[in-house]
């Protein structure tokens, strides 16, 4: 029992330290998921870790859980841009294209200048066999990108979301 308590304390300290220094992006998704769940256990109303948890679940293809977490946020804050955009890409992967369109449309109305929401719309239009609209959204995303690093992130996001 003492070993278990010590292990739990060490995990909590390690998780808290990584979160405080924003190192969770460098962790494997399985570890990040555990950390986000610990953070939500301590503060269930914090939408930041919940959204990050949903995206880690998305990357590990746990789509039903990712959808649940994002809907949880939107029930409390229907205009949460990150949750709207995130739910859009989760629904794209689940092949619920019409519903994905509804959420991405809401997201783009909130923040038309966000590069990634236009990337996500581009992927959605491509999957819906609307290549002209897909191209227009991708061009919009590229025109909003302010530097080469952002352009590189567009290509990375296309690979992630298109799978």
N, C-alpha and C. Protein backbone atom coordinates (compact mmCIF):
# COMPACT_ATOMS: atom_id res chain seq x y z
N UNK A 1 0.82 -1.20 0.00
CA UNK A 1 0.00 0.00 0.00
C UNK A 1 0.86 1.26 0.00
N UNK A 2 1.97 1.22 0.73
CA UNK A 2 2.86 2.37 0.79
C UNK A 2 3.46 2.66 -0.58
N UNK A 3 3.84 1.61 -1.29
CA UNK A 3 4.40 1.79 -2.63
C UNK A 3 3.39 2.43 -3.57
N UNK A 4 2.15 1.97 -3.47
CA UNK A 4 1.10 2.51 -4.32
C UNK A 4 0.89 4.00 -4.03
N UNK A 5 0.86 4.36 -2.77
CA UNK A 5 0.69 5.78 -2.40
C UNK A 5 1.84 6.61 -2.91
N UNK A 6 3.05 6.11 -2.74
CA UNK A 6 4.23 6.84 -3.20
C UNK A 6 4.20 7.00 -4.72
N UNK A 7 3.83 5.95 -5.42
CA UNK A 7 3.75 6.01 -6.89
C UNK A 7 2.72 7.05 -7.32
N UNK A 8 1.56 7.04 -6.68
CA UNK A 8 0.51 8.00 -7.02
C UNK A 8 0.98 9.43 -6.77
N UNK A 9 1.64 9.66 -5.66
CA UNK A 9 2.15 11.00 -5.36
C UNK A 9 3.17 11.44 -6.40
N UNK A 10 4.07 10.55 -6.78
CA UNK A 10 5.07 10.88 -7.80
C UNK A 10 4.43 11.19 -9.14
N UNK A 11 3.42 10.42 -9.51
CA UNK A 11 2.73 10.67 -10.78
C UNK A 11 2.05 12.03 -10.75
N UNK A 12 1.40 12.35 -9.64
CA UNK A 12 0.73 13.65 -9.53
C UNK A 12 1.72 14.80 -9.58
N UNK A 13 2.84 14.66 -8.91
CA UNK A 13 3.86 15.71 -8.94
C UNK A 13 4.40 15.86 -10.35
N UNK A 14 4.71 14.73 -10.98
CA UNK A 14 5.25 14.76 -12.34
C UNK A 14 4.24 15.39 -13.30
N UNK A 15 2.97 14.98 -13.15
CA UNK A 15 1.93 15.52 -14.04
C UNK A 15 1.77 17.01 -13.82
N UNK A 16 1.74 17.43 -12.59
CA UNK A 16 1.60 18.86 -12.29
C UNK A 16 2.78 19.65 -12.80
N UNK A 17 3.97 19.12 -12.67
CA UNK A 17 5.17 19.81 -13.16
C UNK A 17 5.17 19.94 -14.66
N UNK A 18 4.78 18.91 -15.35
CA UNK A 18 4.73 18.96 -16.81
C UNK A 18 3.68 19.97 -17.26
N UNK A 19 2.55 20.00 -16.57
CA UNK A 19 1.50 20.94 -16.96
C UNK A 19 1.94 22.37 -16.70
N UNK A 20 2.57 22.58 -15.56
CA UNK A 20 3.00 23.94 -15.22
C UNK A 20 3.98 24.49 -16.24
N UNK A 21 4.77 23.61 -16.83
CA UNK A 21 5.76 24.04 -17.82
C UNK A 21 5.29 23.82 -19.25
N UNK A 22 4.02 23.46 -19.40
CA UNK A 22 3.40 23.25 -20.72
C UNK A 22 4.18 22.25 -21.57
N UNK A 23 4.62 21.18 -20.95
CA UNK A 23 5.37 20.16 -21.68
C UNK A 23 4.48 19.02 -22.16
N UNK A 24 3.19 19.10 -21.95
CA UNK A 24 2.32 18.00 -22.32
C UNK A 24 2.30 17.77 -23.82
N UNK A 25 2.60 18.78 -24.62
CA UNK A 25 2.63 18.60 -26.07
C UNK A 25 3.76 17.68 -26.50
N UNK A 26 4.79 17.58 -25.68
CA UNK A 26 5.94 16.74 -26.02
C UNK A 26 5.77 15.30 -25.55
N UNK A 27 4.72 15.02 -24.82
CA UNK A 27 4.50 13.69 -24.27
C UNK A 27 3.73 12.81 -25.25
N UNK A 28 3.91 11.50 -25.14
CA UNK A 28 3.05 10.60 -25.94
C UNK A 28 1.59 10.85 -25.57
N UNK A 29 0.71 10.68 -26.53
CA UNK A 29 -0.70 10.96 -26.29
C UNK A 29 -1.26 10.16 -25.12
N UNK A 30 -0.83 8.91 -24.96
CA UNK A 30 -1.35 8.09 -23.85
C UNK A 30 -1.02 8.71 -22.50
N UNK A 31 0.16 9.29 -22.36
CA UNK A 31 0.55 9.94 -21.11
C UNK A 31 -0.19 11.27 -20.97
N UNK A 32 -0.29 12.01 -22.05
CA UNK A 32 -1.01 13.29 -22.02
C UNK A 32 -2.47 13.06 -21.62
N UNK A 33 -3.08 12.02 -22.14
CA UNK A 33 -4.47 11.70 -21.79
C UNK A 33 -4.60 11.50 -20.29
N UNK A 34 -3.68 10.75 -19.71
CA UNK A 34 -3.70 10.53 -18.26
C UNK A 34 -3.56 11.86 -17.51
N UNK A 35 -2.66 12.71 -17.96
CA UNK A 35 -2.46 14.00 -17.29
C UNK A 35 -3.70 14.89 -17.40
N UNK A 36 -4.29 14.95 -18.57
CA UNK A 36 -5.49 15.78 -18.73
C UNK A 36 -6.62 15.26 -17.85
N UNK A 37 -6.74 13.95 -17.74
CA UNK A 37 -7.79 13.39 -16.88
C UNK A 37 -7.54 13.73 -15.42
N UNK A 38 -6.28 13.70 -15.00
CA UNK A 38 -5.95 14.11 -13.63
C UNK A 38 -6.30 15.57 -13.40
N UNK A 39 -5.97 16.41 -14.36
CA UNK A 39 -6.30 17.84 -14.24
C UNK A 39 -7.80 18.06 -14.17
N UNK A 40 -8.55 17.30 -14.96
CA UNK A 40 -10.01 17.44 -14.94
C UNK A 40 -10.61 16.89 -13.66
N UNK A 41 -9.96 15.90 -13.08
CA UNK A 41 -10.40 15.38 -11.78
C UNK A 41 -10.31 16.49 -10.74
N UNK A 42 -9.23 17.28 -10.82
CA UNK A 42 -9.03 18.36 -9.86
C UNK A 42 -9.89 19.58 -10.18
N UNK A 43 -10.17 19.82 -11.46
CA UNK A 43 -10.96 20.98 -11.86
C UNK A 43 -11.81 20.62 -13.08
N UNK A 44 -12.96 19.98 -12.85
CA UNK A 44 -13.77 19.47 -13.97
C UNK A 44 -14.35 20.54 -14.89
N UNK A 45 -14.37 21.79 -14.45
CA UNK A 45 -14.96 22.84 -15.28
C UNK A 45 -13.95 23.53 -16.19
N UNK A 46 -12.70 23.13 -16.14
CA UNK A 46 -11.66 23.78 -16.94
C UNK A 46 -11.72 23.26 -18.38
N UNK A 47 -12.10 24.14 -19.30
CA UNK A 47 -12.28 23.70 -20.69
C UNK A 47 -10.95 23.50 -21.43
N UNK A 48 -9.89 24.13 -20.98
CA UNK A 48 -8.59 23.98 -21.65
C UNK A 48 -8.11 22.53 -21.66
N UNK A 49 -7.95 21.92 -20.47
CA UNK A 49 -7.53 20.52 -20.45
C UNK A 49 -8.55 19.58 -21.10
N UNK A 50 -9.83 19.91 -20.98
CA UNK A 50 -10.85 19.04 -21.59
C UNK A 50 -10.72 19.05 -23.12
N UNK A 51 -10.49 20.22 -23.68
CA UNK A 51 -10.30 20.31 -25.13
C UNK A 51 -9.01 19.60 -25.54
N UNK A 52 -7.95 19.78 -24.76
CA UNK A 52 -6.68 19.10 -25.06
C UNK A 52 -6.84 17.59 -24.95
N UNK A 53 -7.60 17.15 -23.95
CA UNK A 53 -7.89 15.72 -23.81
C UNK A 53 -8.61 15.21 -25.06
N UNK A 54 -9.60 15.95 -25.51
CA UNK A 54 -10.35 15.54 -26.70
C UNK A 54 -9.45 15.41 -27.92
N UNK A 55 -8.51 16.34 -28.08
CA UNK A 55 -7.62 16.28 -29.24
C UNK A 55 -6.63 15.11 -29.12
N UNK A 56 -6.18 14.81 -27.90
CA UNK A 56 -5.31 13.65 -27.71
C UNK A 56 -6.09 12.36 -28.00
N UNK A 57 -7.34 12.32 -27.57
CA UNK A 57 -8.20 11.17 -27.87
C UNK A 57 -8.42 11.05 -29.38
N UNK A 58 -8.59 12.17 -30.04
CA UNK A 58 -8.74 12.18 -31.51
C UNK A 58 -7.50 11.58 -32.17
N UNK A 59 -6.33 12.02 -31.72
CA UNK A 59 -5.09 11.52 -32.34
C UNK A 59 -4.89 10.03 -32.10
N UNK A 60 -5.46 9.49 -31.01
CA UNK A 60 -5.36 8.06 -30.74
C UNK A 60 -6.57 7.30 -31.28
N UNK A 61 -7.39 8.00 -32.05
CA UNK A 61 -8.56 7.42 -32.73
C UNK A 61 -9.65 6.95 -31.76
N UNK A 62 -9.70 7.55 -30.58
CA UNK A 62 -10.77 7.28 -29.63
C UNK A 62 -11.86 8.33 -29.86
N UNK A 63 -12.51 8.19 -31.00
CA UNK A 63 -13.39 9.24 -31.50
C UNK A 63 -14.65 9.44 -30.66
N UNK A 64 -15.24 8.35 -30.18
CA UNK A 64 -16.45 8.50 -29.37
C UNK A 64 -16.17 9.28 -28.09
N UNK A 65 -15.03 8.98 -27.47
CA UNK A 65 -14.66 9.71 -26.24
C UNK A 65 -14.32 11.16 -26.55
N UNK A 66 -13.62 11.39 -27.64
CA UNK A 66 -13.29 12.77 -28.03
C UNK A 66 -14.57 13.56 -28.27
N UNK A 67 -15.50 12.96 -28.98
CA UNK A 67 -16.79 13.63 -29.24
C UNK A 67 -17.50 13.95 -27.93
N UNK A 68 -17.51 13.01 -27.01
CA UNK A 68 -18.17 13.21 -25.71
C UNK A 68 -17.57 14.40 -24.96
N UNK A 69 -16.25 14.49 -24.94
CA UNK A 69 -15.58 15.59 -24.22
C UNK A 69 -15.90 16.94 -24.86
N UNK A 70 -15.90 16.99 -26.17
CA UNK A 70 -16.18 18.25 -26.87
C UNK A 70 -17.64 18.67 -26.70
N UNK A 71 -18.54 17.71 -26.74
CA UNK A 71 -19.95 18.03 -26.52
C UNK A 71 -20.17 18.52 -25.09
N UNK A 72 -19.41 17.96 -24.15
CA UNK A 72 -19.48 18.41 -22.75
C UNK A 72 -19.15 19.91 -22.66
N UNK A 73 -18.11 20.32 -23.36
CA UNK A 73 -17.73 21.74 -23.38
C UNK A 73 -18.84 22.58 -24.00
N UNK A 74 -19.34 22.12 -25.15
CA UNK A 74 -20.34 22.91 -25.89
C UNK A 74 -21.69 23.00 -25.18
N UNK A 75 -22.01 22.01 -24.34
CA UNK A 75 -23.23 22.11 -23.54
C UNK A 75 -23.15 23.29 -22.58
N UNK A 76 -21.96 23.57 -22.10
CA UNK A 76 -21.75 24.65 -21.14
C UNK A 76 -21.38 25.97 -21.80
N UNK A 77 -20.76 25.88 -22.97
CA UNK A 77 -20.31 27.08 -23.68
C UNK A 77 -20.48 26.85 -25.19
N UNK A 78 -21.68 27.09 -25.71
CA UNK A 78 -21.98 26.79 -27.12
C UNK A 78 -21.13 27.56 -28.13
N UNK A 79 -20.46 28.60 -27.71
CA UNK A 79 -19.64 29.37 -28.66
C UNK A 79 -18.15 29.17 -28.42
N UNK A 80 -17.77 28.07 -27.80
CA UNK A 80 -16.35 27.79 -27.56
C UNK A 80 -15.72 27.40 -28.91
N UNK A 81 -14.91 28.30 -29.44
CA UNK A 81 -14.33 28.11 -30.77
C UNK A 81 -13.55 26.80 -30.88
N UNK A 82 -12.68 26.53 -29.91
CA UNK A 82 -11.84 25.33 -29.99
C UNK A 82 -12.67 24.06 -29.98
N UNK A 83 -13.73 24.03 -29.18
CA UNK A 83 -14.59 22.85 -29.13
C UNK A 83 -15.39 22.69 -30.43
N UNK A 84 -15.87 23.80 -30.99
CA UNK A 84 -16.60 23.73 -32.26
C UNK A 84 -15.70 23.19 -33.37
N UNK A 85 -14.50 23.75 -33.47
CA UNK A 85 -13.55 23.32 -34.49
C UNK A 85 -13.12 21.87 -34.25
N UNK A 86 -12.83 21.55 -32.99
CA UNK A 86 -12.42 20.18 -32.65
C UNK A 86 -13.49 19.16 -32.97
N UNK A 87 -14.74 19.49 -32.60
CA UNK A 87 -15.83 18.56 -32.89
C UNK A 87 -16.00 18.41 -34.40
N UNK A 88 -15.77 19.48 -35.13
CA UNK A 88 -15.83 19.39 -36.59
C UNK A 88 -14.87 18.35 -37.14
N UNK A 89 -13.62 18.37 -36.67
CA UNK A 89 -12.66 17.40 -37.22
C UNK A 89 -12.92 15.98 -36.72
N UNK A 90 -13.43 15.86 -35.49
CA UNK A 90 -13.80 14.53 -35.00
C UNK A 90 -14.91 13.96 -35.88
N UNK A 91 -15.90 14.77 -36.18
CA UNK A 91 -17.02 14.31 -37.01
C UNK A 91 -16.60 14.03 -38.44
N UNK A 92 -15.60 14.75 -38.95
CA UNK A 92 -15.07 14.44 -40.28
C UNK A 92 -14.53 13.02 -40.29
N UNK A 93 -13.72 12.69 -39.28
CA UNK A 93 -13.13 11.36 -39.23
C UNK A 93 -14.19 10.28 -39.03
N UNK A 94 -15.28 10.64 -38.35
CA UNK A 94 -16.38 9.70 -38.14
C UNK A 94 -17.29 9.61 -39.37
N UNK A 95 -16.95 10.39 -40.39
CA UNK A 95 -17.69 10.45 -41.65
C UNK A 95 -19.12 10.98 -41.47
N UNK A 96 -19.29 11.87 -40.52
CA UNK A 96 -20.56 12.56 -40.31
C UNK A 96 -20.39 13.97 -40.88
N UNK A 97 -20.32 14.03 -42.20
CA UNK A 97 -19.92 15.26 -42.87
C UNK A 97 -20.90 16.42 -42.71
N UNK A 98 -22.19 16.14 -42.78
CA UNK A 98 -23.17 17.23 -42.66
C UNK A 98 -23.12 17.86 -41.26
N UNK A 99 -23.00 17.01 -40.25
CA UNK A 99 -22.91 17.53 -38.88
C UNK A 99 -21.59 18.27 -38.68
N UNK A 100 -20.52 17.75 -39.24
CA UNK A 100 -19.22 18.43 -39.16
C UNK A 100 -19.32 19.83 -39.76
N UNK A 101 -20.02 19.94 -40.87
CA UNK A 101 -20.19 21.23 -41.54
C UNK A 101 -20.87 22.24 -40.61
N UNK A 102 -21.88 21.79 -39.88
CA UNK A 102 -22.59 22.69 -38.96
C UNK A 102 -21.63 23.28 -37.92
N UNK A 103 -20.79 22.44 -37.35
CA UNK A 103 -19.88 22.91 -36.29
C UNK A 103 -18.76 23.78 -36.86
N UNK A 104 -18.23 23.39 -38.00
CA UNK A 104 -17.16 24.20 -38.60
C UNK A 104 -17.70 25.55 -39.08
N UNK A 105 -18.93 25.57 -39.58
CA UNK A 105 -19.54 26.85 -39.97
C UNK A 105 -19.68 27.78 -38.77
N UNK A 106 -20.11 27.23 -37.63
CA UNK A 106 -20.22 28.04 -36.41
C UNK A 106 -18.84 28.55 -36.00
N UNK A 107 -17.84 27.69 -36.09
CA UNK A 107 -16.48 28.09 -35.69
C UNK A 107 -15.96 29.22 -36.58
N UNK A 108 -16.14 29.11 -37.88
CA UNK A 108 -15.61 30.13 -38.79
C UNK A 108 -16.35 31.46 -38.61
N UNK A 109 -17.61 31.41 -38.20
CA UNK A 109 -18.34 32.65 -37.92
C UNK A 109 -17.79 33.35 -36.68
N UNK A 110 -17.27 32.57 -35.75
CA UNK A 110 -16.68 33.15 -34.53
C UNK A 110 -15.30 33.72 -34.82
N UNK A 111 -14.51 32.99 -35.61
CA UNK A 111 -13.14 33.44 -35.90
C UNK A 111 -12.78 33.13 -37.34
N UNK A 112 -13.13 34.03 -38.22
CA UNK A 112 -12.87 33.85 -39.65
C UNK A 112 -11.38 33.91 -39.99
N UNK A 113 -10.58 34.46 -39.10
CA UNK A 113 -9.14 34.63 -39.36
C UNK A 113 -8.30 33.43 -38.90
N UNK A 114 -8.93 32.41 -38.33
CA UNK A 114 -8.18 31.24 -37.88
C UNK A 114 -7.77 30.39 -39.08
N UNK A 115 -6.49 30.14 -39.19
CA UNK A 115 -5.96 29.39 -40.33
C UNK A 115 -6.50 27.96 -40.35
N UNK A 116 -6.45 27.29 -39.21
CA UNK A 116 -6.77 25.86 -39.17
C UNK A 116 -8.23 25.55 -39.44
N UNK A 117 -9.14 26.43 -39.06
CA UNK A 117 -10.54 26.14 -39.35
C UNK A 117 -10.76 26.10 -40.86
N UNK A 118 -10.03 26.90 -41.61
CA UNK A 118 -10.14 26.86 -43.07
C UNK A 118 -9.49 25.58 -43.63
N UNK A 119 -8.42 25.13 -42.99
CA UNK A 119 -7.82 23.84 -43.38
C UNK A 119 -8.84 22.73 -43.16
N UNK A 120 -9.51 22.76 -42.02
CA UNK A 120 -10.49 21.72 -41.70
C UNK A 120 -11.67 21.76 -42.67
N UNK A 121 -12.12 22.95 -43.02
CA UNK A 121 -13.18 23.06 -44.02
C UNK A 121 -12.72 22.53 -45.37
N UNK A 122 -11.47 22.77 -45.71
CA UNK A 122 -10.92 22.26 -46.96
C UNK A 122 -10.97 20.73 -46.99
N UNK A 123 -10.56 20.11 -45.90
CA UNK A 123 -10.58 18.64 -45.82
C UNK A 123 -12.02 18.14 -45.92
N UNK A 124 -12.93 18.81 -45.22
CA UNK A 124 -14.33 18.40 -45.26
C UNK A 124 -14.88 18.48 -46.68
N UNK A 125 -14.64 19.59 -47.36
CA UNK A 125 -15.13 19.72 -48.74
C UNK A 125 -14.52 18.67 -49.65
N UNK A 126 -13.26 18.36 -49.44
CA UNK A 126 -12.60 17.31 -50.24
C UNK A 126 -13.31 15.97 -50.03
N UNK A 127 -13.63 15.66 -48.78
CA UNK A 127 -14.31 14.40 -48.47
C UNK A 127 -15.74 14.38 -49.00
N UNK A 128 -16.33 15.57 -49.14
CA UNK A 128 -17.69 15.68 -49.67
C UNK A 128 -17.69 15.77 -51.20
N UNK A 129 -16.53 15.58 -51.81
CA UNK A 129 -16.38 15.61 -53.27
C UNK A 129 -16.72 16.99 -53.85
N UNK A 130 -16.27 18.02 -53.15
CA UNK A 130 -16.46 19.40 -53.61
C UNK A 130 -15.08 20.04 -53.75
N UNK A 131 -14.32 19.64 -54.79
CA UNK A 131 -12.92 20.07 -54.90
C UNK A 131 -12.73 21.58 -55.07
N UNK A 132 -13.67 22.26 -55.73
CA UNK A 132 -13.52 23.72 -55.89
C UNK A 132 -13.59 24.43 -54.55
N UNK A 133 -14.58 24.04 -53.72
CA UNK A 133 -14.70 24.65 -52.39
C UNK A 133 -13.50 24.27 -51.52
N UNK A 134 -13.04 23.03 -51.66
CA UNK A 134 -11.87 22.60 -50.89
C UNK A 134 -10.66 23.47 -51.23
N UNK A 135 -10.47 23.70 -52.51
CA UNK A 135 -9.35 24.53 -52.96
C UNK A 135 -9.46 25.96 -52.47
N UNK A 136 -10.68 26.50 -52.49
CA UNK A 136 -10.89 27.87 -52.01
C UNK A 136 -10.55 27.99 -50.53
N UNK A 137 -10.98 27.02 -49.74
CA UNK A 137 -10.70 27.07 -48.30
C UNK A 137 -9.20 26.91 -48.02
N UNK A 138 -8.55 26.03 -48.77
CA UNK A 138 -7.12 25.85 -48.57
C UNK A 138 -6.36 27.11 -48.96
N UNK A 139 -6.78 27.74 -50.05
CA UNK A 139 -6.15 29.01 -50.45
C UNK A 139 -6.38 30.09 -49.39
N UNK A 140 -7.57 30.11 -48.80
CA UNK A 140 -7.87 31.07 -47.74
C UNK A 140 -6.94 30.82 -46.54
N UNK A 141 -6.77 29.56 -46.17
CA UNK A 141 -5.88 29.22 -45.05
C UNK A 141 -4.47 29.69 -45.34
N UNK A 142 -4.00 29.42 -46.54
CA UNK A 142 -2.62 29.81 -46.90
C UNK A 142 -2.47 31.33 -46.93
N UNK A 143 -3.51 32.03 -47.36
CA UNK A 143 -3.42 33.50 -47.40
C UNK A 143 -3.41 34.09 -45.99
N UNK A 144 -4.01 33.39 -45.03
CA UNK A 144 -4.02 33.86 -43.65
C UNK A 144 -2.73 33.53 -42.90
N UNK A 145 -1.99 32.55 -43.42
CA UNK A 145 -0.74 32.15 -42.76
C UNK A 145 0.26 33.29 -42.89
N UNK A 146 0.84 33.66 -41.76
CA UNK A 146 1.69 34.85 -41.75
C UNK A 146 3.18 34.56 -41.91
N UNK A 147 3.57 33.30 -41.83
CA UNK A 147 4.99 32.98 -41.95
C UNK A 147 5.18 31.53 -42.41
N UNK A 148 6.40 31.16 -42.78
CA UNK A 148 6.67 29.80 -43.27
C UNK A 148 6.33 28.71 -42.25
N UNK A 149 6.47 29.02 -40.97
CA UNK A 149 6.16 28.03 -39.94
C UNK A 149 4.67 27.69 -39.97
N UNK A 150 3.83 28.70 -40.13
CA UNK A 150 2.38 28.46 -40.22
C UNK A 150 2.04 27.68 -41.48
N UNK A 151 2.71 27.97 -42.57
CA UNK A 151 2.47 27.21 -43.81
C UNK A 151 2.84 25.75 -43.62
N UNK A 152 3.91 25.50 -42.88
CA UNK A 152 4.31 24.12 -42.59
C UNK A 152 3.27 23.44 -41.71
N UNK A 153 2.71 24.18 -40.76
CA UNK A 153 1.68 23.62 -39.88
C UNK A 153 0.42 23.26 -40.67
N UNK A 154 0.14 24.01 -41.73
CA UNK A 154 -1.01 23.68 -42.58
C UNK A 154 -0.81 22.30 -43.18
N UNK A 155 0.37 22.04 -43.71
CA UNK A 155 0.65 20.73 -44.31
C UNK A 155 0.57 19.61 -43.28
N UNK A 156 1.08 19.86 -42.07
CA UNK A 156 1.00 18.86 -41.00
C UNK A 156 -0.45 18.58 -40.63
N UNK A 157 -1.25 19.63 -40.53
CA UNK A 157 -2.66 19.48 -40.16
C UNK A 157 -3.43 18.74 -41.26
N UNK A 158 -3.11 19.02 -42.51
CA UNK A 158 -3.76 18.31 -43.61
C UNK A 158 -3.52 16.81 -43.50
N UNK A 159 -2.29 16.43 -43.17
CA UNK A 159 -1.98 15.00 -43.01
C UNK A 159 -2.75 14.39 -41.86
N UNK A 160 -2.81 15.12 -40.73
CA UNK A 160 -3.49 14.61 -39.54
C UNK A 160 -4.99 14.44 -39.77
N UNK A 161 -5.61 15.44 -40.34
CA UNK A 161 -7.07 15.45 -40.47
C UNK A 161 -7.55 14.64 -41.67
N UNK A 162 -6.74 14.53 -42.70
CA UNK A 162 -7.16 13.83 -43.92
C UNK A 162 -7.20 12.32 -43.77
N UNK A 163 -6.52 11.79 -42.78
CA UNK A 163 -6.50 10.32 -42.62
C UNK A 163 -7.85 9.77 -42.27
